[in-house]
Amino acid sequence: MRRYFVAEAAGLFYVDGLGRYRFCPAGAGLPISLSEERWKSCLARIPLAPSVGRFGPWSMPVFESVCAFWIGSELYASGGNRGYILLGRSASDWSGGDEADLSAIAEAIGPIVGVRIEREQEAFERAEAEAHLARNDLRMRDFFENSRDMIYTSDAADTITSINAAGLLLLDLHGKEEAIGRPVKAFALNPGDRDLFLRRIVQDGFVDDYEIVLTRGGGGPVFCIETAIARRGADGALEEVQGIVKDISDRIEREREMWRVNLELAEANIRLSNTRAVVIQQEKLASIGQLAAGIAHEINNPLGFLLSNNATLERDLAKIRRAWDSALAAGGERIEEIVRREVDPLIGELAEIFAESREGFKRIAGIVSSLKVFARADRGLEFDSYDVNEGIESALVIAWNEIKYVAEVKKELGNLPRIRARAGEINQVVLNILINAAQAIGGQNRPEKGLIEISSRDDGEFVRIEIRDDGPGIPESARGRIFEPFFTTKAPGKGTGLGLSISYDIVVAKHRGRLAFESTLSRGTTFVLELPIQGPPPQDAGCG
């Protein structure tokens, strides 16, 4: 082209089939790659149309000389690809014949170049697609062979057609020839499981997380889950099964171990609950043991006058018998005189004795009844209707001999609803606090009696009990540990250190209530006990 048009410079600007921006000057062996930006800036003066355009002066890339007159035309256009020819000289301007010749040449060779560019592009795209497929095939083969799970394919008869290395390891096989050609069910511990699997995959076209037990070459079971899809032919018939089998034997073993641990924990919890019940019962008996001498004294008082009354009854009955015998012997009017003089006074005395004895029996029965309430083991874990004020009165009866020598008791018991609670446990809490208050006051060796105040009231959703004493108070150093098991400020032999710990567990953990205290040194301590009227939530009511 340069020689034909007697041009000093000639060059092609084009986009090849690979989408690269090229510049090829006349006489060069190889094209030069340009950036898209520079390539387009070089052609900024040329109309982007199949017509000849003039411009200049201008210098082509890599050429230092500037030509005064330039002529150019679009050589081809194919899709997004373009090609242009540029001719330049300085000796003379281009004529109209030159324009006509360039236009004719471009029109003649343009389609040929365009077809070549399209073929080059198609070849490039085909090569790219083949390379992409090859890479995908390599990745799939790598995934297939290096997967840690068994991957296999089987034909319509469920005969293995391919299997990966993980599958051979899972089945304890030494080569693919030991698996390929054999039915999958040959490796199932229960062949019927495989029949069910095939029915499902034929029906649904897929199976997710199907549990199956396979056997290794050595005969050991392998717990697995399988996910598979069906590949069907044009007629919809099953042609191939493609499956992934995951060994979950370790997970099954971990689940078994977890169940074993859970059972052990459940058994330990039962033992702990039983131990706690025994500890609570022992604490009850320990409390009663500490009060045993006082309780015996309380019973001994009415018992003493009951014994005296019984001796008086025997004496008076003997007198009545003698008077009656005398009256019978005298006969007539003497009977009335003897009865009036000797029998009537004795009968009046007997009436007083019986009244006094009834009071004594009532006192003994009350003490024994309260002892039975506190000494018995809980009759199960049921929550029942409970009268809080009645429980306070019962606890006072048991603790009375411990209290009466050291403190006066002031009660302000409100009108309370019955609550849902475990009566024996709440009674134990009240008894523990009362005994602690009495012992704290008694330990001061005061010349005058102290004061224990007990109040109860309805606080809406809760029943509130306050037990206040004017004893020495709790030392600051002990307040943070007051509810700890086995912690006590009492002298050795005076307490187990479990009373308040058990009380806190009963109120807070079991009844979902609140147990707190306020204490001031030398002024006393107040324990506040709040119990929900409706009891704990149903899901908590059965906890031990």
Protein backbone atom coordinates (compact mmCIF):
# COMPACT_ATOMS: atom_id res chain seq x y z
CA MET A 1 0.00 0.00 0.00
CA ARG A 2 2.85 2.36 0.81
CA ARG A 3 4.57 1.69 -2.51
CA TYR A 4 1.34 1.79 -4.52
CA PHE A 5 0.33 5.18 -3.17
CA VAL A 6 3.94 6.47 -3.07
CA ALA A 7 3.53 7.19 0.62
CA GLU A 8 6.34 8.05 2.95
CA ALA A 9 4.61 6.33 5.93
CA ALA A 10 1.84 3.76 6.18
CA GLY A 11 0.32 1.89 9.06
CA LEU A 12 -2.56 -0.32 10.16
CA PHE A 13 -4.54 0.34 13.35
CA TYR A 14 -6.75 -2.60 14.22
CA VAL A 15 -8.40 -4.67 16.96
CA ASP A 16 -7.59 -8.33 16.44
CA GLY A 17 -9.72 -11.38 17.12
CA LEU A 18 -8.43 -11.55 20.69
CA GLY A 19 -9.59 -7.99 21.41
CA ARG A 20 -6.05 -6.54 21.48
CA TYR A 21 -5.34 -3.00 20.22
CA ARG A 22 -2.65 -3.19 17.54
CA PHE A 23 -0.52 -0.86 15.37
CA CYS A 24 1.56 -2.26 12.49
CA PRO A 25 3.76 0.18 10.50
CA ALA A 26 4.80 -0.66 6.92
CA GLY A 27 8.02 -2.62 6.81
CA ALA A 28 7.75 -3.92 10.39
CA GLY A 29 7.85 -7.65 10.95
CA LEU A 30 5.50 -7.72 13.95
CA PRO A 31 2.61 -5.55 15.13
CA ILE A 32 2.91 -3.33 18.17
CA SER A 33 0.39 -3.49 21.04
CA LEU A 34 -1.01 -0.15 22.20
CA SER A 35 -3.15 0.73 25.14
CA GLU A 36 -6.79 1.27 24.30
CA GLU A 37 -6.52 4.92 25.31
CA ARG A 38 -3.51 5.66 23.08
CA TRP A 39 -4.91 3.62 20.21
CA LYS A 40 -8.11 5.67 20.22
CA SER A 41 -6.23 8.99 20.60
CA CYS A 42 -4.24 8.18 17.44
CA LEU A 43 -7.47 7.78 15.49
CA ALA A 44 -9.27 10.73 16.98
CA ARG A 45 -8.95 12.71 13.67
CA ILE A 46 -10.29 9.92 11.46
CA PRO A 47 -14.04 9.55 10.90
CA LEU A 48 -15.26 6.15 12.18
CA ALA A 49 -17.04 5.32 8.92
CA PRO A 50 -16.23 3.43 5.70
CA SER A 51 -15.09 6.63 3.92
CA VAL A 52 -11.78 8.27 3.25
CA GLY A 53 -10.74 11.12 5.50
CA ARG A 54 -7.86 13.63 5.33
CA PHE A 55 -5.87 15.13 8.21
CA GLY A 56 -2.41 16.34 9.11
CA PRO A 57 0.26 17.17 9.91
CA TRP A 58 0.82 14.15 12.24
CA SER A 59 3.44 11.62 13.28
CA MET A 60 2.70 7.90 13.70
CA PRO A 61 3.71 6.15 16.94
CA VAL A 62 7.42 5.18 17.10
CA PHE A 63 8.14 7.46 14.10
CA GLU A 64 9.81 10.82 14.73
CA SER A 65 9.21 12.34 11.29
CA VAL A 66 6.02 14.30 10.77
CA CYS A 67 4.11 13.99 7.49
CA ALA A 68 2.15 17.01 6.33
CA PHE A 69 -0.64 15.20 4.50
CA TRP A 70 -2.47 12.12 5.75
CA ILE A 71 -5.25 10.05 4.27
CA GLY A 72 -7.08 7.20 6.05
CA SER A 73 -10.04 4.88 5.77
CA GLU A 74 -11.84 2.20 7.77
CA LEU A 75 -10.61 -1.10 6.44
CA TYR A 76 -13.08 -3.43 8.15
CA ALA A 77 -15.69 -3.58 10.85
CA SER A 78 -16.62 -6.92 12.51
CA GLY A 79 -18.66 -6.80 15.69
CA GLY A 80 -16.72 -4.71 18.17
CA ASN A 81 -13.54 -5.01 16.13
CA ARG A 82 -12.31 -2.25 13.82
CA GLY A 83 -9.38 -1.81 11.41
CA TYR A 84 -8.01 1.35 9.75
CA ILE A 85 -5.28 2.09 7.18
CA LEU A 86 -3.38 5.40 7.34
CA LEU A 87 -1.06 6.80 4.62
CA GLY A 88 1.14 9.90 4.97
CA ARG A 89 3.53 12.04 2.85
CA SER A 90 4.89 15.56 2.76
CA ALA A 91 5.90 16.03 -0.91
CA SER A 92 2.37 16.67 -2.16
CA ASP A 93 -1.23 16.50 -0.99
CA TRP A 94 -3.50 13.59 -1.81
CA SER A 95 -5.63 13.80 -4.94
CA GLY A 96 -9.23 12.79 -5.51
CA GLY A 97 -7.98 9.76 -7.44
CA ASP A 98 -5.98 8.69 -4.41
CA GLU A 99 -9.13 8.90 -2.28
CA ALA A 100 -11.08 6.85 -4.84
CA ASP A 101 -8.36 4.19 -5.07
CA LEU A 102 -8.09 3.90 -1.26
CA SER A 103 -11.84 3.62 -0.92
CA ALA A 104 -12.00 0.90 -3.62
CA ILE A 105 -9.16 -1.08 -2.04
CA ALA A 106 -10.75 -0.85 1.43
CA GLU A 107 -14.10 -1.96 0.02
CA ALA A 108 -12.49 -4.91 -1.77
CA ILE A 109 -10.30 -6.33 0.99
CA GLY A 110 -12.43 -5.29 3.96
CA PRO A 111 -14.79 -8.34 3.87
CA ILE A 112 -11.86 -10.72 3.48
CA VAL A 113 -10.03 -9.24 6.47
CA GLY A 114 -13.29 -9.21 8.46
CA VAL A 115 -13.86 -12.93 7.83
CA ARG A 116 -10.31 -13.72 8.89
CA ILE A 117 -10.75 -11.67 12.07
CA GLU A 118 -14.03 -13.48 12.85
CA ARG A 119 -12.39 -16.87 12.32
CA GLU A 120 -9.50 -15.84 14.51
CA GLN A 121 -11.95 -14.73 17.17
CA GLU A 122 -13.96 -17.97 16.90
CA ALA A 123 -10.78 -20.02 17.12
CA PHE A 124 -9.71 -18.03 20.17
CA GLU A 125 -13.10 -18.45 21.85
CA ARG A 126 -13.12 -22.17 21.03
CA ALA A 127 -9.63 -22.54 22.47
CA GLU A 128 -10.70 -20.61 25.57
CA ALA A 129 -13.78 -22.80 25.98
CA GLU A 130 -11.74 -25.97 25.55
CA ALA A 131 -9.17 -24.71 28.04
CA HIS A 132 -11.99 -23.81 30.46
CA LEU A 133 -13.54 -27.25 30.05
CA ALA A 134 -10.15 -28.84 30.54
CA ARG A 135 -9.61 -26.84 33.73
CA ASN A 136 -13.09 -27.74 34.98
CA ASP A 137 -12.50 -31.37 34.13
CA LEU A 138 -9.22 -31.27 36.00
CA ARG A 139 -10.87 -29.62 39.02
CA MET A 140 -13.70 -32.15 38.99
CA ARG A 141 -11.26 -35.02 38.72
CA ASP A 142 -9.20 -33.52 41.53
CA PHE A 143 -12.36 -33.07 43.63
CA PHE A 144 -13.49 -36.60 42.80
CA GLU A 145 -10.19 -38.27 43.62
CA ASN A 146 -9.15 -36.14 46.59
CA SER A 147 -12.51 -35.79 48.34
CA ARG A 148 -12.48 -37.10 51.89
CA ASP A 149 -15.95 -38.56 51.31
CA MET A 150 -16.75 -41.55 49.14
CA ILE A 151 -17.97 -40.49 45.66
CA TYR A 152 -19.29 -43.09 43.26
CA THR A 153 -21.50 -43.63 40.22
CA SER A 154 -23.62 -46.65 39.47
CA ASP A 155 -25.66 -47.68 36.42
CA ALA A 156 -29.37 -48.46 36.16
CA ALA A 157 -28.74 -51.89 37.72
CA ASP A 158 -26.99 -50.13 40.66
CA THR A 159 -23.63 -51.59 39.63
CA ILE A 160 -20.64 -49.42 40.55
CA THR A 161 -19.11 -47.74 37.47
CA SER A 162 -16.65 -45.42 39.22
CA ILE A 163 -15.41 -44.82 42.73
CA ASN A 164 -12.79 -42.53 44.28
CA ALA A 165 -9.89 -43.26 46.61
CA ALA A 166 -11.90 -42.27 49.70
CA GLY A 167 -14.52 -44.86 48.74
CA LEU A 168 -11.89 -47.59 48.50
CA LEU A 169 -10.54 -46.57 51.90
CA LEU A 170 -14.04 -46.54 53.40
CA LEU A 171 -14.81 -50.02 52.10
CA ASP A 172 -11.28 -51.29 52.89
CA LEU A 173 -10.60 -52.21 49.24
CA HIS A 174 -7.16 -52.25 47.63
CA GLY A 175 -8.04 -51.21 44.10
CA LYS A 176 -10.89 -49.90 41.98
CA GLU A 177 -11.20 -53.28 40.26
CA GLU A 178 -12.47 -54.68 43.56
CA ALA A 179 -15.43 -52.27 43.48
CA ILE A 180 -16.24 -51.52 39.84
CA GLY A 181 -18.72 -54.02 38.42
CA ARG A 182 -20.10 -55.00 41.83
CA PRO A 183 -23.58 -53.96 43.06
CA VAL A 184 -23.63 -51.30 45.75
CA LYS A 185 -25.87 -53.46 47.94
CA ALA A 186 -23.00 -55.94 48.21
CA PHE A 187 -21.38 -53.48 50.60
CA ALA A 188 -24.57 -52.78 52.64
CA LEU A 189 -24.94 -54.46 56.01
CA ASN A 190 -28.66 -54.78 55.27
CA PRO A 191 -29.29 -55.09 51.49
CA GLY A 192 -32.93 -54.12 52.08
CA ASP A 193 -31.77 -50.61 52.99
CA ARG A 194 -30.33 -50.22 49.50
CA ASP A 195 -33.58 -51.38 47.88
CA LEU A 196 -35.46 -48.68 49.81
CA PHE A 197 -32.84 -46.11 48.73
CA LEU A 198 -33.30 -47.04 45.05
CA ARG A 199 -37.08 -46.81 45.26
CA ARG A 200 -36.80 -43.32 46.72
CA ILE A 201 -34.28 -42.07 44.16
CA VAL A 202 -36.33 -43.46 41.26
CA GLN A 203 -39.44 -41.78 42.66
CA ASP A 204 -37.97 -38.41 43.68
CA GLY A 205 -34.83 -38.11 41.57
CA PHE A 206 -32.70 -37.41 44.64
CA VAL A 207 -32.03 -38.58 48.22
CA ASP A 208 -30.65 -36.37 50.99
CA ASP A 209 -28.83 -37.63 54.10
CA TYR A 210 -30.00 -41.22 53.74
CA GLU A 211 -28.72 -43.28 56.66
CA ILE A 212 -27.14 -46.59 55.76
CA VAL A 213 -24.70 -48.98 57.39
CA LEU A 214 -21.97 -50.32 55.08
CA THR A 215 -19.45 -53.06 55.75
CA ARG A 216 -15.71 -52.92 55.36
CA GLY A 217 -13.71 -55.69 53.82
CA GLY A 218 -12.91 -56.90 57.30
CA GLY A 219 -16.60 -57.11 58.18
CA GLY A 220 -16.83 -54.11 60.50
CA PRO A 221 -19.91 -51.85 60.25
CA VAL A 222 -19.57 -48.29 58.95
CA PHE A 223 -22.33 -45.82 59.82
CA CYS A 224 -22.88 -43.49 56.85
CA ILE A 225 -25.22 -40.91 55.35
CA GLU A 226 -25.62 -40.67 51.58
CA THR A 227 -26.76 -37.84 49.31
CA ALA A 228 -27.36 -38.79 45.69
CA ILE A 229 -29.09 -37.66 42.49
CA ALA A 230 -30.49 -39.62 39.57
CA ARG A 231 -29.49 -38.98 35.95
CA ARG A 232 -32.28 -40.01 33.60
CA GLY A 233 -32.40 -40.73 29.90
CA ALA A 234 -34.62 -39.07 27.30
CA ASP A 235 -37.40 -41.53 28.17
CA GLY A 236 -37.17 -40.62 31.88
CA ALA A 237 -35.71 -43.99 32.87
CA LEU A 238 -32.90 -44.12 35.43
CA GLU A 239 -29.50 -44.28 33.73
CA GLU A 240 -27.07 -43.43 36.50
CA VAL A 241 -26.88 -42.72 40.24
CA GLN A 242 -24.30 -40.19 41.39
CA GLY A 243 -23.74 -40.38 45.12
CA ILE A 244 -21.63 -38.98 47.95
CA VAL A 245 -21.30 -41.16 51.08
CA LYS A 246 -20.05 -39.67 54.33
CA ASP A 247 -18.67 -41.78 57.16
CA ILE A 248 -20.36 -40.67 60.41
CA SER A 249 -19.07 -43.49 62.61
CA ASP A 250 -17.08 -41.04 64.73
CA ARG A 251 -20.16 -38.84 65.15
CA ILE A 252 -22.27 -41.85 66.14
CA GLU A 253 -19.61 -42.83 68.66
CA ARG A 254 -19.53 -39.27 70.03
CA GLU A 255 -23.32 -39.29 70.31
CA ARG A 256 -23.17 -42.61 72.14
CA GLU A 257 -20.54 -41.17 74.46
CA MET A 258 -22.67 -38.06 74.95
CA TRP A 259 -25.69 -40.22 75.84
CA ARG A 260 -23.55 -42.21 78.24
CA VAL A 261 -22.28 -39.02 79.87
CA ASN A 262 -25.82 -37.62 80.00
CA LEU A 263 -27.04 -40.80 81.70
CA GLU A 264 -24.18 -40.59 84.17
CA LEU A 265 -25.00 -36.93 84.82
CA ALA A 266 -28.66 -37.80 85.28
CA GLU A 267 -27.73 -40.54 87.75
CA ALA A 268 -25.33 -38.16 89.51
CA ASN A 269 -28.08 -35.55 89.67
CA ILE A 270 -30.45 -38.10 91.21
CA ARG A 271 -27.80 -39.06 93.73
CA LEU A 272 -27.15 -35.38 94.43
CA SER A 273 -30.87 -34.74 94.90
CA ASN A 274 -31.10 -37.71 97.25
CA THR A 275 -28.01 -36.53 99.12
CA ARG A 276 -29.43 -33.03 99.39
CA ALA A 277 -32.72 -34.44 100.70
CA VAL A 278 -30.75 -36.43 103.30
CA VAL A 279 -28.73 -33.34 104.27
CA ILE A 280 -31.90 -31.29 104.66
CA GLN A 281 -33.48 -34.04 106.75
CA GLN A 282 -30.33 -34.31 108.86
CA GLU A 283 -30.34 -30.54 109.35
CA LYS A 284 -33.95 -30.78 110.51
CA LEU A 285 -33.05 -33.52 112.96
CA ALA A 286 -29.96 -31.55 114.06
CA SER A 287 -32.16 -28.53 114.77
CA ILE A 288 -34.57 -30.66 116.77
CA GLY A 289 -31.62 -32.34 118.50
CA GLN A 290 -30.31 -28.96 119.62
CA LEU A 291 -33.78 -28.14 120.98
CA ALA A 292 -34.44 -31.59 122.44
CA ALA A 293 -33.76 -30.64 126.07
CA GLY A 294 -36.03 -27.60 125.85
CA ILE A 295 -38.77 -29.56 124.11
CA ALA A 296 -38.52 -32.25 126.81
CA HIS A 297 -38.87 -29.53 129.44
CA GLU A 298 -41.93 -28.12 127.66
CA ILE A 299 -43.50 -31.58 127.64
CA ASN A 300 -42.41 -32.26 131.25
CA ASN A 301 -44.39 -29.32 132.69
CA PRO A 302 -47.85 -30.51 131.61
CA LEU A 303 -46.76 -34.09 132.17
CA GLY A 304 -45.94 -33.28 135.82
CA PHE A 305 -49.34 -31.92 136.68
CA LEU A 306 -51.03 -34.67 134.64
CA LEU A 307 -49.28 -37.23 136.87
CA SER A 308 -50.33 -35.27 139.97
CA ASN A 309 -53.88 -35.08 138.68
CA ASN A 310 -53.88 -38.79 138.07
CA ALA A 311 -52.85 -39.46 141.73
CA THR A 312 -55.58 -37.09 142.93
CA LEU A 313 -58.11 -38.92 140.76
CA GLU A 314 -57.12 -42.24 142.31
CA ARG A 315 -57.43 -40.76 145.86
CA ASP A 316 -60.77 -39.09 145.19
CA LEU A 317 -62.22 -42.17 143.53
CA ALA A 318 -61.26 -44.15 146.66
CA LYS A 319 -63.03 -41.57 148.83
CA ILE A 320 -66.12 -41.71 146.61
CA ARG A 321 -66.17 -45.48 146.84
CA ARG A 322 -65.92 -45.39 150.65
CA ALA A 323 -68.65 -42.68 150.91
CA TRP A 324 -70.86 -44.66 148.57
CA ASP A 325 -70.39 -47.81 150.61
CA SER A 326 -71.24 -45.88 153.81
CA ALA A 327 -74.38 -44.45 152.23
CA LEU A 328 -75.55 -47.84 151.10
CA ALA A 329 -74.96 -49.26 154.58
CA ALA A 330 -76.81 -46.42 156.30
CA GLY A 331 -79.76 -46.54 153.94
CA GLY A 332 -82.79 -44.23 153.90
CA GLU A 333 -82.28 -40.48 154.44
CA ARG A 334 -78.61 -40.97 155.37
CA ILE A 335 -77.73 -41.64 151.67
CA GLU A 336 -78.55 -38.09 150.56
CA GLU A 337 -76.74 -36.57 153.54
CA ILE A 338 -73.55 -38.57 152.90
CA VAL A 339 -73.59 -37.84 149.14
CA ARG A 340 -74.08 -34.10 149.74
CA ARG A 341 -71.40 -33.89 152.43
CA GLU A 342 -68.69 -36.17 150.98
CA VAL A 343 -69.38 -36.96 147.29
CA ASP A 344 -70.46 -33.57 145.83
CA PRO A 345 -67.21 -31.74 146.78
CA LEU A 346 -65.16 -34.55 145.25
CA ILE A 347 -67.13 -34.37 141.98
CA GLY A 348 -66.47 -30.61 141.75
CA GLU A 349 -62.76 -31.21 142.30
CA LEU A 350 -62.77 -33.90 139.62
CA ALA A 351 -64.29 -31.49 137.09
CA GLU A 352 -61.41 -29.03 137.68
CA ILE A 353 -58.86 -31.85 137.36
CA PHE A 354 -60.36 -32.97 134.04
CA ALA A 355 -60.29 -29.41 132.66
CA GLU A 356 -56.65 -28.97 133.71
CA SER A 357 -55.75 -32.36 132.24
CA ARG A 358 -57.37 -31.49 128.91
CA GLU A 359 -55.16 -28.39 128.70
CA GLY A 360 -52.09 -30.47 129.49
CA PHE A 361 -52.97 -33.07 126.88
CA LYS A 362 -53.55 -30.27 124.34
CA ARG A 363 -50.13 -28.75 125.03
CA ILE A 364 -48.38 -32.11 124.70
CA ALA A 365 -50.30 -32.96 121.52
CA GLY A 366 -49.36 -29.57 119.99
CA ILE A 367 -45.69 -30.05 120.74
CA VAL A 368 -45.70 -33.62 119.43
CA SER A 369 -47.62 -32.55 116.30
CA SER A 370 -45.11 -29.78 115.57
CA LEU A 371 -42.25 -32.21 116.14
CA LYS A 372 -43.79 -34.64 113.67
CA VAL A 373 -44.07 -31.89 111.04
CA PHE A 374 -40.40 -30.96 111.40
CA ALA A 375 -38.93 -34.41 111.95
CA ARG A 376 -40.59 -36.27 109.08
CA ALA A 377 -38.91 -36.60 105.70
CA ASP A 378 -40.61 -34.72 102.85
CA ARG A 379 -43.42 -36.73 101.31
CA GLY A 380 -42.26 -36.20 97.72
CA LEU A 381 -41.67 -33.14 95.63
CA GLU A 382 -45.22 -31.87 95.27
CA PHE A 383 -46.13 -28.26 95.95
CA ASP A 384 -49.37 -27.90 97.92
CA SER A 385 -51.56 -25.26 99.51
CA TYR A 386 -49.74 -23.79 102.52
CA ASP A 387 -50.80 -21.46 105.35
CA VAL A 388 -47.79 -19.22 106.06
CA ASN A 389 -49.05 -17.95 109.44
CA GLU A 390 -49.79 -21.49 110.60
CA GLY A 391 -46.22 -22.47 109.65
CA ILE A 392 -44.83 -19.54 111.68
CA GLU A 393 -46.88 -20.59 114.72
CA SER A 394 -45.68 -24.18 114.36
CA ALA A 395 -42.03 -23.08 114.17
CA LEU A 396 -42.51 -20.94 117.32
CA VAL A 397 -43.81 -23.98 119.24
CA ILE A 398 -40.69 -25.96 118.37
CA ALA A 399 -38.30 -23.10 119.08
CA TRP A 400 -40.16 -21.74 122.12
CA ASN A 401 -37.97 -23.21 124.85
CA GLU A 402 -34.91 -21.81 123.02
CA ILE A 403 -36.56 -18.38 122.79
CA LYS A 404 -38.53 -17.86 126.03
CA TYR A 405 -35.55 -17.45 128.36
CA VAL A 406 -33.71 -14.91 126.16
CA ALA A 407 -36.34 -12.92 124.25
CA GLU A 408 -39.89 -11.75 124.07
CA VAL A 409 -41.78 -12.46 120.86
CA LYS A 410 -43.92 -9.87 119.15
CA LYS A 411 -46.12 -11.04 116.26
CA GLU A 412 -47.91 -9.00 113.59
CA LEU A 413 -49.29 -11.62 111.25
CA GLY A 414 -51.37 -10.20 108.42
CA ASN A 415 -54.34 -11.69 106.58
CA LEU A 416 -52.57 -13.84 104.02
CA PRO A 417 -53.75 -15.98 101.13
CA ARG A 418 -52.66 -19.59 101.10
CA ILE A 419 -49.64 -20.03 98.86
CA ARG A 420 -48.35 -22.89 96.74
CA ALA A 421 -45.26 -24.25 98.50
CA ARG A 422 -43.61 -27.19 100.23
CA ALA A 423 -44.81 -26.72 103.79
CA GLY A 424 -42.09 -28.72 105.56
CA GLU A 425 -39.29 -26.84 103.78
CA ILE A 426 -40.67 -23.37 104.50
CA ASN A 427 -41.26 -24.33 108.15
CA GLN A 428 -37.61 -25.41 108.30
CA VAL A 429 -36.48 -22.01 106.94
CA VAL A 430 -38.52 -20.10 109.56
CA LEU A 431 -37.25 -22.40 112.35
CA ASN A 432 -33.62 -21.90 111.26
CA ILE A 433 -33.95 -18.10 111.36
CA LEU A 434 -35.77 -18.13 114.72
CA ILE A 435 -33.13 -20.37 116.33
CA ASN A 436 -30.32 -18.18 114.93
CA ALA A 437 -32.03 -15.08 116.36
CA ALA A 438 -32.52 -16.65 119.81
CA GLN A 439 -28.95 -17.94 119.96
CA ALA A 440 -27.55 -14.57 118.83
CA ILE A 441 -29.46 -12.77 121.63
CA GLY A 442 -28.60 -15.47 124.17
CA GLY A 443 -24.91 -15.20 123.35
CA GLN A 444 -24.87 -11.59 124.61
CA ASN A 445 -25.64 -12.66 128.25
CA ARG A 446 -27.85 -9.59 128.68
CA PRO A 447 -29.56 -8.97 132.03
CA GLU A 448 -32.84 -8.25 130.29
CA LYS A 449 -34.61 -10.21 127.59
CA GLY A 450 -34.20 -9.28 123.95
CA LEU A 451 -36.94 -8.95 121.35
CA ILE A 452 -37.82 -11.03 118.30
CA GLU A 453 -40.42 -9.49 116.00
CA ILE A 454 -42.23 -11.55 113.41
CA SER A 455 -44.47 -9.98 110.77
CA SER A 456 -46.18 -11.21 107.62
CA ARG A 457 -48.09 -9.41 104.90
CA ASP A 458 -49.48 -9.77 101.40
CA ASP A 459 -47.23 -7.98 98.86
CA GLY A 460 -49.25 -8.61 95.71
CA GLU A 461 -47.58 -11.50 93.89
CA PHE A 462 -45.54 -12.39 96.97
CA VAL A 463 -46.05 -13.10 100.65
CA ARG A 464 -43.45 -11.28 102.76
CA ILE A 465 -42.16 -12.53 106.13
CA GLU A 466 -39.82 -10.43 108.26
CA ILE A 467 -38.03 -11.82 111.31
CA ARG A 468 -36.13 -9.15 113.26
CA ASP A 469 -34.00 -9.51 116.35
CA ASP A 470 -32.23 -6.90 118.48
CA GLY A 471 -29.14 -9.05 118.91
CA PRO A 472 -25.50 -8.21 118.20
CA GLY A 473 -25.84 -8.11 114.40
CA ILE A 474 -23.69 -9.88 111.81
CA PRO A 475 -20.01 -8.80 111.49
CA GLU A 476 -19.17 -7.02 108.24
CA SER A 477 -16.55 -9.68 107.39
CA ALA A 478 -19.13 -12.47 107.57
CA ARG A 479 -21.97 -10.89 105.60
CA GLY A 480 -20.70 -11.98 102.18
CA ARG A 481 -20.49 -15.62 103.29
CA ILE A 482 -23.64 -15.95 105.35
CA PHE A 483 -25.35 -18.26 102.82
CA GLU A 484 -22.26 -20.38 102.10
CA PRO A 485 -22.49 -24.09 103.04
CA PHE A 486 -20.72 -24.98 106.32
CA PHE A 487 -19.99 -21.34 107.17
CA THR A 488 -20.94 -20.45 110.75
CA THR A 489 -20.08 -17.78 113.29
CA LYS A 490 -21.27 -19.96 116.18
CA ALA A 491 -19.03 -21.76 118.64
CA PRO A 492 -18.08 -25.38 117.83
CA GLY A 493 -20.97 -27.74 118.49
CA LYS A 494 -23.54 -24.94 118.20
CA GLY A 495 -24.28 -25.26 114.51
CA THR A 496 -23.56 -27.20 111.31
CA GLY A 497 -23.19 -24.16 109.06
CA LEU A 498 -25.90 -25.56 106.76
CA GLY A 499 -29.03 -23.88 108.11
CA LEU A 500 -28.91 -20.64 106.11
CA SER A 501 -27.36 -22.33 103.07
CA ILE A 502 -30.22 -24.84 102.95
CA SER A 503 -32.72 -22.05 103.63
CA TYR A 504 -31.38 -20.04 100.66
CA ASP A 505 -31.61 -23.09 98.38
CA ILE A 506 -35.18 -23.80 99.52
CA VAL A 507 -36.42 -20.22 99.05
CA VAL A 508 -34.49 -19.09 95.95
CA ALA A 509 -33.73 -22.24 93.94
CA LYS A 510 -36.82 -24.32 94.72
CA HIS A 511 -39.55 -21.74 95.35
CA ARG A 512 -38.17 -18.96 93.09
CA GLY A 513 -38.53 -16.52 95.97
CA ARG A 514 -36.12 -14.09 97.65
CA LEU A 515 -34.15 -14.36 100.89
CA ALA A 516 -32.13 -11.38 102.08
CA PHE A 517 -31.01 -9.73 105.31
CA GLU A 518 -30.09 -6.37 106.75
CA SER A 519 -27.82 -6.12 109.78
CA THR A 520 -26.37 -3.37 111.95
CA LEU A 521 -23.73 -4.14 114.57
CA SER A 522 -25.08 -3.90 118.15
CA ARG A 523 -28.60 -3.24 116.85
CA GLY A 524 -29.67 -6.55 115.35
CA THR A 525 -30.54 -8.34 112.13
CA THR A 526 -33.66 -8.56 109.97
CA PHE A 527 -34.22 -11.48 107.61
CA VAL A 528 -36.70 -10.88 104.78
CA LEU A 529 -38.34 -13.88 103.19
CA GLU A 530 -40.52 -13.42 100.05
CA LEU A 531 -42.43 -16.35 98.57
CA PRO A 532 -44.45 -16.26 95.31
CA ILE A 533 -48.13 -16.87 96.03
CA GLN A 534 -48.53 -18.99 92.89
CA GLY A 535 -45.34 -20.92 93.59
CA PRO A 536 -42.53 -21.44 91.07
CA PRO A 537 -43.29 -21.78 87.33
CA PRO A 538 -44.60 -25.26 86.39
CA GLN A 539 -41.33 -26.22 84.67
CA ASP A 540 -39.42 -25.49 87.89
CA ALA A 541 -41.84 -27.02 90.41
CA GLY A 542 -40.47 -30.51 89.97
CA CYS A 543 -36.80 -29.64 90.44
CA GLY A 544 -35.16 -31.19 93.46
